[in-house]
N, C-alpha and C. Protein backbone atom coordinates (compact mmCIF):
# COMPACT_ATOMS: atom_id res chain seq x y z
N UNK A 1 -15.77 -49.24 0.51
CA UNK A 1 -14.40 -48.83 0.27
C UNK A 1 -14.35 -47.72 -0.77
N UNK A 2 -15.10 -47.90 -1.89
CA UNK A 2 -15.14 -46.88 -2.94
C UNK A 2 -15.69 -45.56 -2.43
N UNK A 3 -16.71 -45.64 -1.59
CA UNK A 3 -17.33 -44.44 -1.04
C UNK A 3 -16.33 -43.70 -0.15
N UNK A 4 -15.55 -44.42 0.64
CA UNK A 4 -14.56 -43.80 1.51
C UNK A 4 -13.48 -43.10 0.70
N UNK A 5 -13.05 -43.70 -0.39
CA UNK A 5 -12.02 -43.10 -1.26
C UNK A 5 -12.57 -41.84 -1.91
N UNK A 6 -13.80 -41.91 -2.41
CA UNK A 6 -14.43 -40.74 -3.04
C UNK A 6 -14.60 -39.64 -2.00
N UNK A 7 -15.03 -40.00 -0.81
CA UNK A 7 -15.21 -39.00 0.25
C UNK A 7 -13.87 -38.37 0.63
N UNK A 8 -12.83 -39.17 0.72
CA UNK A 8 -11.50 -38.65 1.05
C UNK A 8 -11.00 -37.70 -0.02
N UNK A 9 -11.23 -38.06 -1.28
CA UNK A 9 -10.82 -37.18 -2.39
C UNK A 9 -11.61 -35.88 -2.35
N UNK A 10 -12.89 -35.97 -2.08
CA UNK A 10 -13.73 -34.76 -2.00
C UNK A 10 -13.26 -33.84 -0.89
N UNK A 11 -12.93 -34.41 0.26
CA UNK A 11 -12.42 -33.60 1.38
C UNK A 11 -11.11 -32.94 1.00
N UNK A 12 -10.24 -33.67 0.36
CA UNK A 12 -8.95 -33.12 -0.07
C UNK A 12 -9.14 -31.98 -1.06
N UNK A 13 -10.01 -32.16 -2.04
CA UNK A 13 -10.28 -31.12 -3.04
C UNK A 13 -10.85 -29.87 -2.35
N UNK A 14 -11.78 -30.06 -1.44
CA UNK A 14 -12.36 -28.92 -0.72
C UNK A 14 -11.31 -28.21 0.14
N UNK A 15 -10.44 -28.96 0.77
CA UNK A 15 -9.38 -28.37 1.59
C UNK A 15 -8.44 -27.52 0.73
N UNK A 16 -8.06 -28.05 -0.42
CA UNK A 16 -7.17 -27.30 -1.32
C UNK A 16 -7.87 -26.05 -1.83
N UNK A 17 -9.12 -26.18 -2.25
CA UNK A 17 -9.88 -25.02 -2.73
C UNK A 17 -10.02 -23.98 -1.63
N UNK A 18 -10.31 -24.42 -0.41
CA UNK A 18 -10.42 -23.50 0.72
C UNK A 18 -9.13 -22.77 1.00
N UNK A 19 -8.02 -23.47 0.90
CA UNK A 19 -6.72 -22.84 1.11
C UNK A 19 -6.53 -21.67 0.14
N UNK A 20 -6.84 -21.89 -1.14
CA UNK A 20 -6.64 -20.83 -2.12
C UNK A 20 -7.65 -19.70 -1.97
N UNK A 21 -8.86 -20.02 -1.58
CA UNK A 21 -9.87 -18.97 -1.39
C UNK A 21 -9.52 -18.10 -0.20
N UNK A 22 -9.12 -18.71 0.91
CA UNK A 22 -8.90 -17.94 2.13
C UNK A 22 -7.51 -17.35 2.25
N UNK A 23 -6.56 -17.74 1.42
CA UNK A 23 -5.23 -17.15 1.49
C UNK A 23 -4.97 -16.20 0.33
N UNK A 24 -5.91 -16.06 -0.54
CA UNK A 24 -5.74 -15.15 -1.68
C UNK A 24 -5.78 -13.71 -1.19
N UNK A 25 -4.85 -12.92 -1.66
CA UNK A 25 -4.77 -11.53 -1.25
C UNK A 25 -5.59 -10.67 -2.22
N UNK A 26 -6.24 -9.62 -1.70
CA UNK A 26 -7.01 -8.75 -2.59
C UNK A 26 -6.10 -7.93 -3.50
N UNK A 27 -6.56 -7.70 -4.70
CA UNK A 27 -5.79 -6.87 -5.64
C UNK A 27 -5.94 -5.41 -5.24
N UNK A 28 -4.87 -4.66 -5.44
CA UNK A 28 -4.94 -3.22 -5.21
C UNK A 28 -5.91 -2.63 -6.23
N UNK A 29 -6.70 -1.65 -5.83
CA UNK A 29 -7.65 -1.08 -6.79
C UNK A 29 -6.95 -0.37 -7.93
N UNK A 30 -7.59 -0.37 -9.08
CA UNK A 30 -7.05 0.32 -10.25
C UNK A 30 -7.42 1.79 -10.14
N UNK A 31 -6.48 2.60 -9.71
CA UNK A 31 -6.71 4.03 -9.51
C UNK A 31 -5.65 4.84 -10.22
N UNK A 32 -5.93 6.12 -10.37
CA UNK A 32 -4.97 7.07 -10.93
C UNK A 32 -4.56 8.03 -9.82
N UNK A 33 -3.27 8.06 -9.53
CA UNK A 33 -2.72 9.01 -8.56
C UNK A 33 -2.32 10.26 -9.32
N UNK A 34 -2.68 11.43 -8.82
CA UNK A 34 -2.24 12.69 -9.41
C UNK A 34 -1.18 13.28 -8.49
N UNK A 35 0.04 13.38 -9.02
CA UNK A 35 1.16 13.85 -8.20
C UNK A 35 1.12 15.36 -8.02
N UNK A 36 1.93 15.85 -7.10
CA UNK A 36 2.04 17.29 -6.89
C UNK A 36 2.47 18.01 -8.16
N UNK A 37 3.20 17.30 -9.02
CA UNK A 37 3.67 17.89 -10.27
C UNK A 37 2.61 17.81 -11.37
N UNK A 38 1.44 17.26 -11.07
CA UNK A 38 0.36 17.16 -12.04
C UNK A 38 0.43 15.94 -12.93
N UNK A 39 1.37 15.04 -12.67
CA UNK A 39 1.49 13.81 -13.46
C UNK A 39 0.49 12.77 -12.94
N UNK A 40 0.11 11.87 -13.84
CA UNK A 40 -0.79 10.79 -13.45
C UNK A 40 -0.04 9.48 -13.44
N UNK A 41 -0.25 8.73 -12.39
CA UNK A 41 0.40 7.43 -12.20
C UNK A 41 -0.70 6.44 -11.86
N UNK A 42 -0.81 5.36 -12.62
CA UNK A 42 -1.85 4.36 -12.38
C UNK A 42 -1.27 3.19 -11.57
N UNK A 43 -2.14 2.53 -10.86
CA UNK A 43 -1.74 1.36 -10.09
C UNK A 43 -1.05 0.34 -11.00
N UNK A 44 -1.58 0.15 -12.19
CA UNK A 44 -1.00 -0.83 -13.12
C UNK A 44 0.45 -0.49 -13.48
N UNK A 45 0.80 0.80 -13.45
CA UNK A 45 2.17 1.22 -13.75
C UNK A 45 3.17 0.74 -12.70
N UNK A 46 2.67 0.32 -11.55
CA UNK A 46 3.51 -0.02 -10.42
C UNK A 46 3.82 -1.51 -10.31
N UNK A 47 3.22 -2.31 -11.20
CA UNK A 47 3.46 -3.76 -11.14
C UNK A 47 4.95 -4.03 -11.26
N UNK A 48 5.41 -5.02 -10.53
CA UNK A 48 6.83 -5.36 -10.53
C UNK A 48 7.59 -4.64 -9.43
N UNK A 49 6.92 -3.72 -8.72
CA UNK A 49 7.53 -3.00 -7.61
C UNK A 49 6.74 -3.31 -6.34
N UNK A 50 7.39 -3.21 -5.21
CA UNK A 50 6.70 -3.27 -3.93
C UNK A 50 6.34 -1.82 -3.60
N UNK A 51 5.06 -1.58 -3.30
CA UNK A 51 4.59 -0.20 -3.16
C UNK A 51 3.90 0.00 -1.81
N UNK A 52 4.25 1.07 -1.14
CA UNK A 52 3.58 1.48 0.08
C UNK A 52 2.74 2.70 -0.26
N UNK A 53 1.43 2.60 -0.06
CA UNK A 53 0.52 3.71 -0.28
C UNK A 53 0.06 4.19 1.09
N UNK A 54 0.45 5.42 1.42
CA UNK A 54 0.19 5.99 2.74
C UNK A 54 -0.80 7.15 2.59
N UNK A 55 -1.97 7.01 3.23
CA UNK A 55 -2.96 8.09 3.26
C UNK A 55 -2.67 8.92 4.50
N UNK A 56 -2.53 10.24 4.30
CA UNK A 56 -2.07 11.11 5.36
C UNK A 56 -2.66 12.49 5.20
N UNK A 57 -2.41 13.34 6.18
CA UNK A 57 -2.83 14.75 6.12
C UNK A 57 -1.81 15.58 6.89
N UNK A 58 -1.62 16.78 6.46
CA UNK A 58 -0.66 17.67 7.14
C UNK A 58 -1.15 18.05 8.52
N UNK A 59 -2.44 17.93 8.78
CA UNK A 59 -3.02 18.27 10.09
C UNK A 59 -3.06 17.07 11.04
N UNK A 60 -2.60 15.93 10.59
CA UNK A 60 -2.61 14.69 11.38
C UNK A 60 -1.27 14.56 12.10
N UNK A 61 -1.28 14.65 13.43
CA UNK A 61 -0.02 14.62 14.18
C UNK A 61 0.71 13.28 14.04
N UNK A 62 -0.02 12.18 14.01
CA UNK A 62 0.63 10.88 13.83
C UNK A 62 1.26 10.77 12.45
N UNK A 63 0.57 11.32 11.45
CA UNK A 63 1.11 11.31 10.08
C UNK A 63 2.43 12.06 10.01
N UNK A 64 2.44 13.25 10.58
CA UNK A 64 3.65 14.08 10.57
C UNK A 64 4.76 13.40 11.38
N UNK A 65 4.40 12.76 12.49
CA UNK A 65 5.38 12.06 13.33
C UNK A 65 6.02 10.89 12.58
N UNK A 66 5.23 10.13 11.80
CA UNK A 66 5.77 8.95 11.12
C UNK A 66 6.50 9.29 9.82
N UNK A 67 6.33 10.50 9.31
CA UNK A 67 6.90 10.85 8.01
C UNK A 67 8.42 10.68 7.95
N UNK A 68 9.20 11.09 8.94
CA UNK A 68 10.66 10.85 8.85
C UNK A 68 11.01 9.37 8.73
N UNK A 69 10.25 8.50 9.40
CA UNK A 69 10.51 7.06 9.30
C UNK A 69 10.10 6.53 7.92
N UNK A 70 9.04 7.08 7.36
CA UNK A 70 8.67 6.71 5.98
C UNK A 70 9.77 7.13 5.00
N UNK A 71 10.36 8.29 5.25
CA UNK A 71 11.48 8.76 4.41
C UNK A 71 12.66 7.80 4.53
N UNK A 72 13.02 7.42 5.75
CA UNK A 72 14.14 6.50 5.95
C UNK A 72 13.86 5.14 5.30
N UNK A 73 12.63 4.67 5.43
CA UNK A 73 12.25 3.39 4.82
C UNK A 73 12.37 3.49 3.30
N UNK A 74 11.87 4.58 2.75
CA UNK A 74 11.96 4.78 1.30
C UNK A 74 13.41 4.81 0.84
N UNK A 75 14.24 5.57 1.53
CA UNK A 75 15.65 5.68 1.12
C UNK A 75 16.39 4.35 1.24
N UNK A 76 16.02 3.55 2.22
CA UNK A 76 16.67 2.26 2.42
C UNK A 76 16.30 1.25 1.33
N UNK A 77 15.03 1.24 0.92
CA UNK A 77 14.56 0.17 0.03
C UNK A 77 14.33 0.60 -1.43
N UNK A 78 14.26 1.90 -1.71
CA UNK A 78 13.99 2.36 -3.08
C UNK A 78 14.96 1.80 -4.12
N UNK A 79 16.25 1.68 -3.83
CA UNK A 79 17.17 1.14 -4.84
C UNK A 79 16.86 -0.30 -5.24
N UNK A 80 16.03 -0.98 -4.46
CA UNK A 80 15.71 -2.38 -4.73
C UNK A 80 14.33 -2.58 -5.36
N UNK A 81 13.69 -1.51 -5.80
CA UNK A 81 12.40 -1.65 -6.46
C UNK A 81 11.22 -1.36 -5.55
N UNK A 82 11.43 -0.56 -4.53
CA UNK A 82 10.39 -0.17 -3.59
C UNK A 82 9.93 1.24 -3.90
N UNK A 83 8.65 1.47 -3.78
CA UNK A 83 8.09 2.79 -4.10
C UNK A 83 7.16 3.23 -2.98
N UNK A 84 7.21 4.49 -2.63
CA UNK A 84 6.32 5.08 -1.65
C UNK A 84 5.45 6.12 -2.34
N UNK A 85 4.15 6.05 -2.09
CA UNK A 85 3.23 7.08 -2.57
C UNK A 85 2.45 7.58 -1.37
N UNK A 86 2.64 8.84 -1.04
CA UNK A 86 1.93 9.48 0.07
C UNK A 86 0.74 10.22 -0.52
N UNK A 87 -0.45 9.77 -0.19
CA UNK A 87 -1.68 10.33 -0.75
C UNK A 87 -2.29 11.29 0.27
N UNK A 88 -2.30 12.57 -0.06
CA UNK A 88 -2.90 13.58 0.82
C UNK A 88 -4.42 13.50 0.69
N UNK A 89 -5.09 13.52 1.82
CA UNK A 89 -6.54 13.40 1.84
C UNK A 89 -7.22 14.61 1.18
N UNK A 90 -8.45 14.39 0.77
CA UNK A 90 -9.19 15.42 0.04
C UNK A 90 -9.43 16.69 0.86
N UNK A 91 -9.43 16.61 2.18
CA UNK A 91 -9.67 17.79 3.01
C UNK A 91 -8.38 18.57 3.30
N UNK A 92 -7.25 18.07 2.85
CA UNK A 92 -5.97 18.74 3.07
C UNK A 92 -5.73 19.72 1.92
N UNK A 93 -5.60 21.03 2.20
CA UNK A 93 -5.42 22.01 1.13
C UNK A 93 -4.15 21.71 0.30
N UNK A 94 -4.28 21.64 -1.02
CA UNK A 94 -3.12 21.33 -1.88
C UNK A 94 -1.91 22.23 -1.62
N UNK A 95 -2.12 23.51 -1.40
CA UNK A 95 -0.99 24.42 -1.16
C UNK A 95 -0.26 24.03 0.13
N UNK A 96 -1.00 23.60 1.13
CA UNK A 96 -0.41 23.18 2.40
C UNK A 96 0.38 21.88 2.22
N UNK A 97 -0.14 20.96 1.43
CA UNK A 97 0.55 19.70 1.15
C UNK A 97 1.85 19.98 0.42
N UNK A 98 1.76 20.81 -0.61
CA UNK A 98 2.95 21.14 -1.40
C UNK A 98 4.01 21.82 -0.53
N UNK A 99 3.59 22.75 0.31
CA UNK A 99 4.54 23.46 1.19
C UNK A 99 5.21 22.48 2.15
N UNK A 100 4.45 21.55 2.70
CA UNK A 100 5.02 20.56 3.62
C UNK A 100 6.03 19.68 2.88
N UNK A 101 5.65 19.18 1.71
CA UNK A 101 6.53 18.30 0.93
C UNK A 101 7.84 19.00 0.56
N UNK A 102 7.74 20.27 0.19
CA UNK A 102 8.95 21.03 -0.17
C UNK A 102 9.80 21.34 1.06
N UNK A 103 9.15 21.75 2.14
CA UNK A 103 9.87 22.12 3.37
C UNK A 103 10.62 20.93 3.96
N UNK A 104 10.02 19.75 3.89
CA UNK A 104 10.64 18.57 4.49
C UNK A 104 11.45 17.76 3.48
N UNK A 105 11.38 18.13 2.21
CA UNK A 105 12.16 17.43 1.18
C UNK A 105 11.75 15.98 0.99
N UNK A 106 10.46 15.71 0.95
CA UNK A 106 10.00 14.33 0.79
C UNK A 106 10.56 13.74 -0.51
N UNK A 107 11.26 12.62 -0.42
CA UNK A 107 11.93 12.05 -1.59
C UNK A 107 11.06 11.11 -2.42
N UNK A 108 9.82 10.94 -2.03
CA UNK A 108 8.95 10.00 -2.73
C UNK A 108 7.77 10.73 -3.36
N UNK A 109 6.96 9.99 -4.06
CA UNK A 109 5.80 10.55 -4.76
C UNK A 109 4.76 11.01 -3.75
N UNK A 110 4.32 12.24 -3.91
CA UNK A 110 3.22 12.78 -3.11
C UNK A 110 2.08 13.04 -4.08
N UNK A 111 0.92 12.49 -3.74
CA UNK A 111 -0.26 12.62 -4.61
C UNK A 111 -1.36 13.37 -3.87
N UNK A 112 -2.16 14.07 -4.64
CA UNK A 112 -3.33 14.77 -4.10
C UNK A 112 -4.57 13.96 -4.48
N UNK A 113 -5.44 13.76 -3.53
CA UNK A 113 -6.69 13.04 -3.78
C UNK A 113 -7.83 14.05 -3.65
N UNK A 114 -7.86 15.03 -4.55
CA UNK A 114 -8.75 16.18 -4.46
C UNK A 114 -10.22 15.82 -4.33
N UNK A 115 -10.66 14.76 -4.98
CA UNK A 115 -12.08 14.37 -4.92
C UNK A 115 -12.32 13.14 -4.04
N UNK A 116 -11.28 12.65 -3.39
CA UNK A 116 -11.43 11.51 -2.50
C UNK A 116 -11.62 10.17 -3.20
N UNK A 117 -11.38 10.14 -4.51
CA UNK A 117 -11.61 8.92 -5.29
C UNK A 117 -10.62 7.80 -4.93
N UNK A 118 -9.37 8.16 -4.70
CA UNK A 118 -8.37 7.15 -4.37
C UNK A 118 -8.67 6.55 -2.99
N UNK A 119 -8.98 7.40 -2.03
CA UNK A 119 -9.30 6.91 -0.68
C UNK A 119 -10.53 6.00 -0.72
N UNK A 120 -11.56 6.36 -1.49
CA UNK A 120 -12.75 5.51 -1.60
C UNK A 120 -12.40 4.15 -2.20
N UNK A 121 -11.54 4.15 -3.22
CA UNK A 121 -11.16 2.90 -3.87
C UNK A 121 -10.37 1.99 -2.92
N UNK A 122 -9.60 2.58 -2.03
CA UNK A 122 -8.83 1.82 -1.04
C UNK A 122 -9.68 1.66 0.23
N UNK A 123 -10.74 0.90 0.11
CA UNK A 123 -11.59 0.54 1.25
C UNK A 123 -12.22 1.74 1.95
N UNK A 124 -12.40 2.84 1.24
CA UNK A 124 -13.07 4.00 1.84
C UNK A 124 -12.30 4.63 2.98
N UNK A 125 -11.01 4.81 2.82
CA UNK A 125 -10.16 5.38 3.87
C UNK A 125 -10.67 6.75 4.28
N UNK A 126 -10.82 6.94 5.60
CA UNK A 126 -11.17 8.25 6.16
C UNK A 126 -10.24 8.62 7.31
N UNK A 127 -9.66 7.61 7.96
CA UNK A 127 -8.77 7.87 9.09
C UNK A 127 -7.32 7.89 8.62
N UNK A 128 -6.55 8.82 9.19
CA UNK A 128 -5.14 8.90 8.83
C UNK A 128 -4.30 8.73 10.08
N UNK A 129 -3.13 8.14 9.93
CA UNK A 129 -2.63 7.51 8.71
C UNK A 129 -3.21 6.10 8.53
N UNK A 130 -3.47 5.78 7.28
CA UNK A 130 -3.82 4.42 6.87
C UNK A 130 -2.88 4.08 5.73
N UNK A 131 -2.26 2.92 5.83
CA UNK A 131 -1.21 2.55 4.88
C UNK A 131 -1.46 1.15 4.34
N UNK A 132 -1.25 1.00 3.04
CA UNK A 132 -1.38 -0.29 2.37
C UNK A 132 -0.04 -0.67 1.77
N UNK A 133 0.33 -1.93 1.92
CA UNK A 133 1.55 -2.45 1.31
C UNK A 133 1.13 -3.39 0.20
N UNK A 134 1.65 -3.13 -1.00
CA UNK A 134 1.26 -3.88 -2.20
C UNK A 134 2.49 -4.62 -2.73
N UNK A 135 2.31 -5.90 -3.05
CA UNK A 135 3.44 -6.69 -3.55
C UNK A 135 3.66 -6.47 -5.05
N UNK A 136 4.65 -7.14 -5.60
CA UNK A 136 5.04 -6.97 -7.00
C UNK A 136 3.94 -7.40 -7.97
N UNK A 137 3.03 -8.26 -7.52
CA UNK A 137 1.93 -8.73 -8.36
C UNK A 137 0.71 -7.81 -8.26
N UNK A 138 0.80 -6.76 -7.46
CA UNK A 138 -0.31 -5.82 -7.34
C UNK A 138 -1.35 -6.24 -6.32
N UNK A 139 -0.96 -7.08 -5.37
CA UNK A 139 -1.89 -7.53 -4.34
C UNK A 139 -1.58 -6.84 -3.01
N UNK A 140 -2.63 -6.48 -2.30
CA UNK A 140 -2.47 -5.87 -0.98
C UNK A 140 -2.08 -6.97 -0.01
N UNK A 141 -0.92 -6.83 0.60
CA UNK A 141 -0.45 -7.85 1.54
C UNK A 141 -0.57 -7.40 3.00
N UNK A 142 -0.71 -6.10 3.22
CA UNK A 142 -0.82 -5.61 4.59
C UNK A 142 -1.52 -4.26 4.60
N UNK A 143 -2.33 -4.06 5.62
CA UNK A 143 -2.97 -2.76 5.86
C UNK A 143 -2.61 -2.34 7.27
N UNK A 144 -2.20 -1.10 7.41
CA UNK A 144 -1.83 -0.56 8.71
C UNK A 144 -2.77 0.61 9.05
N UNK A 145 -3.38 0.56 10.21
CA UNK A 145 -4.14 1.69 10.73
C UNK A 145 -3.28 2.32 11.80
N UNK A 146 -2.94 3.58 11.62
CA UNK A 146 -2.00 4.22 12.52
C UNK A 146 -0.58 3.95 12.06
N UNK A 147 0.36 4.33 12.90
CA UNK A 147 1.78 4.18 12.55
C UNK A 147 2.19 2.71 12.57
N UNK A 148 2.83 2.24 11.50
CA UNK A 148 3.28 0.83 11.49
C UNK A 148 4.41 0.59 12.47
N UNK A 149 4.60 -0.66 12.82
CA UNK A 149 5.80 -1.08 13.54
C UNK A 149 6.86 -1.19 12.44
N UNK A 150 7.77 -0.23 12.39
CA UNK A 150 8.70 -0.15 11.27
C UNK A 150 9.69 -1.31 11.22
N UNK A 151 10.05 -1.89 12.34
CA UNK A 151 10.92 -3.07 12.30
C UNK A 151 10.22 -4.23 11.59
N UNK A 152 8.95 -4.44 11.92
CA UNK A 152 8.18 -5.51 11.26
C UNK A 152 7.94 -5.17 9.79
N UNK A 153 7.67 -3.90 9.50
CA UNK A 153 7.48 -3.48 8.11
C UNK A 153 8.75 -3.74 7.30
N UNK A 154 9.90 -3.41 7.85
CA UNK A 154 11.17 -3.63 7.15
C UNK A 154 11.42 -5.12 6.89
N UNK A 155 11.09 -5.95 7.86
CA UNK A 155 11.24 -7.41 7.67
C UNK A 155 10.33 -7.90 6.55
N UNK A 156 9.10 -7.39 6.51
CA UNK A 156 8.17 -7.77 5.44
C UNK A 156 8.66 -7.25 4.09
N UNK A 157 9.19 -6.04 4.07
CA UNK A 157 9.73 -5.49 2.82
C UNK A 157 10.89 -6.34 2.31
N UNK A 158 11.75 -6.77 3.20
CA UNK A 158 12.87 -7.64 2.79
C UNK A 158 12.34 -8.89 2.07
N UNK A 159 11.32 -9.50 2.68
CA UNK A 159 10.75 -10.72 2.09
C UNK A 159 10.10 -10.42 0.75
N UNK A 160 9.30 -9.36 0.68
CA UNK A 160 8.58 -9.04 -0.56
C UNK A 160 9.54 -8.65 -1.69
N UNK A 161 10.58 -7.91 -1.36
CA UNK A 161 11.53 -7.49 -2.39
C UNK A 161 12.35 -8.66 -2.92
N UNK A 162 12.50 -9.70 -2.11
CA UNK A 162 13.25 -10.88 -2.56
C UNK A 162 12.40 -11.88 -3.34
N UNK A 163 11.08 -11.69 -3.35
CA UNK A 163 10.20 -12.56 -4.12
C UNK A 163 10.33 -12.27 -5.60
N UNK A 164 10.23 -13.32 -6.40
CA UNK A 164 10.18 -13.09 -7.85
C UNK A 164 8.74 -12.83 -8.25
N UNK A 165 8.56 -12.19 -9.38
CA UNK A 165 7.21 -11.81 -9.83
C UNK A 165 6.47 -13.01 -10.37
């Protein structure tokens, strides 16, 4: 009888430990984003906000196609503590990125990843668009390869923005 109780407790403890190990979300890497204006923004500065980090390039047709929807998403959720950071890949000429951002009036932070350090820190991103969604605690909750399903993204944003820190 004692052995069965001890075994049952051990199974329960392992199940609980497994739940926390396998449901834990990875932390966003500690990186410094350099904006088009030359300002530096660190991942730690973003805690308490829901953040979408989008790796893109001006030569990427899918990236350019999804940009208006990223703008609409930003405008819809920014008043509630949502932040968008569009990270231009290291192979994208800075002057071309700046011209695109100005021409299209991007309302969110655009960063240059001149040495590819930010992309490497975010799982070695090389394909665009690749997008990461980070919760208020600084954990990556979703990764999108290609254009996200924006209806599903908006539903997830609603949930994340309503969570307390």
